[in-house]
Protein backbone atom coordinates (compact mmCIF):
# COMPACT_ATOMS: atom_id res chain seq x y z
CA UNK A 1 54.96 92.61 104.33
CA UNK A 2 57.71 91.46 101.96
CA UNK A 3 61.09 92.15 103.56
CA UNK A 4 63.08 90.01 101.13
CA UNK A 5 64.45 92.96 99.15
CA UNK A 6 65.56 94.71 102.33
CA UNK A 7 67.29 91.55 103.53
CA UNK A 8 69.13 91.18 100.24
CA UNK A 9 70.21 94.81 100.28
CA UNK A 10 71.56 94.42 103.80
CA UNK A 11 73.58 91.35 102.79
CA UNK A 12 74.96 93.21 99.78
CA UNK A 13 76.09 96.07 102.02
CA UNK A 14 77.85 93.66 104.38
CA UNK A 15 79.73 91.84 101.62
CA UNK A 16 83.49 92.29 101.72
CA UNK A 17 86.48 90.82 99.98
CA UNK A 18 87.47 89.19 103.25
CA UNK A 19 84.13 87.39 103.50
CA UNK A 20 84.50 86.19 99.91
CA UNK A 21 87.96 84.81 100.78
CA UNK A 22 86.56 83.06 103.85
CA UNK A 23 83.91 81.37 101.71
CA UNK A 24 86.65 80.25 99.33
CA UNK A 25 88.85 78.92 102.14
CA UNK A 26 85.85 77.00 103.48
CA UNK A 27 85.33 75.56 99.99
CA UNK A 28 81.89 77.16 99.77
CA UNK A 29 82.42 77.90 96.11
CA UNK A 30 78.87 78.92 95.25
CA UNK A 31 78.78 81.46 98.06
CA UNK A 32 82.22 82.76 97.07
CA UNK A 33 81.05 83.26 93.49
CA UNK A 34 77.94 85.08 94.70
CA UNK A 35 80.11 87.24 96.94
CA UNK A 36 82.38 88.23 94.06
CA UNK A 37 79.35 89.02 91.88
CA UNK A 38 78.05 91.36 94.59
CA UNK A 39 81.47 92.95 94.97
CA UNK A 40 81.70 93.41 91.22
CA UNK A 41 78.45 95.39 91.26
CA UNK A 42 79.49 97.28 94.37
CA UNK A 43 82.93 98.19 92.98
CA UNK A 44 82.64 98.32 89.16
CA UNK A 45 86.18 99.68 88.82
CA UNK A 46 87.44 96.29 90.09
CA UNK A 47 85.05 94.16 88.05
CA UNK A 48 87.82 92.57 85.95
CA UNK A 49 89.61 91.44 89.12
CA UNK A 50 86.41 89.92 90.49
CA UNK A 51 85.64 88.27 87.14
CA UNK A 52 89.06 86.60 87.25
CA UNK A 53 88.41 85.38 90.79
CA UNK A 54 85.06 83.93 89.68
CA UNK A 55 86.75 82.10 86.77
CA UNK A 56 89.36 80.67 89.12
CA UNK A 57 86.70 79.46 91.54
CA UNK A 58 84.75 77.81 88.72
CA UNK A 59 87.93 75.95 87.73
CA UNK A 60 88.31 74.81 91.35
CA UNK A 61 84.72 73.56 91.29
CA UNK A 62 85.35 71.56 88.12
CA UNK A 63 88.59 70.06 89.42
CA UNK A 64 86.90 69.15 92.71
CA UNK A 65 84.30 67.05 90.89
């Protein structure tokens, strides 16, 4: 039995802005970007805010390198 889609759906339901911030504070940039992508799909009315957060994180990634 393939439970991978159920597992992904559960993670998407548990995603919050707070968790995305925690990932960012921990410098887990890839996870933070994924979190904001999920939140953008979950809350389309805030998609421009999440897109700006993603851009900012990508800049942090570049500057870190």
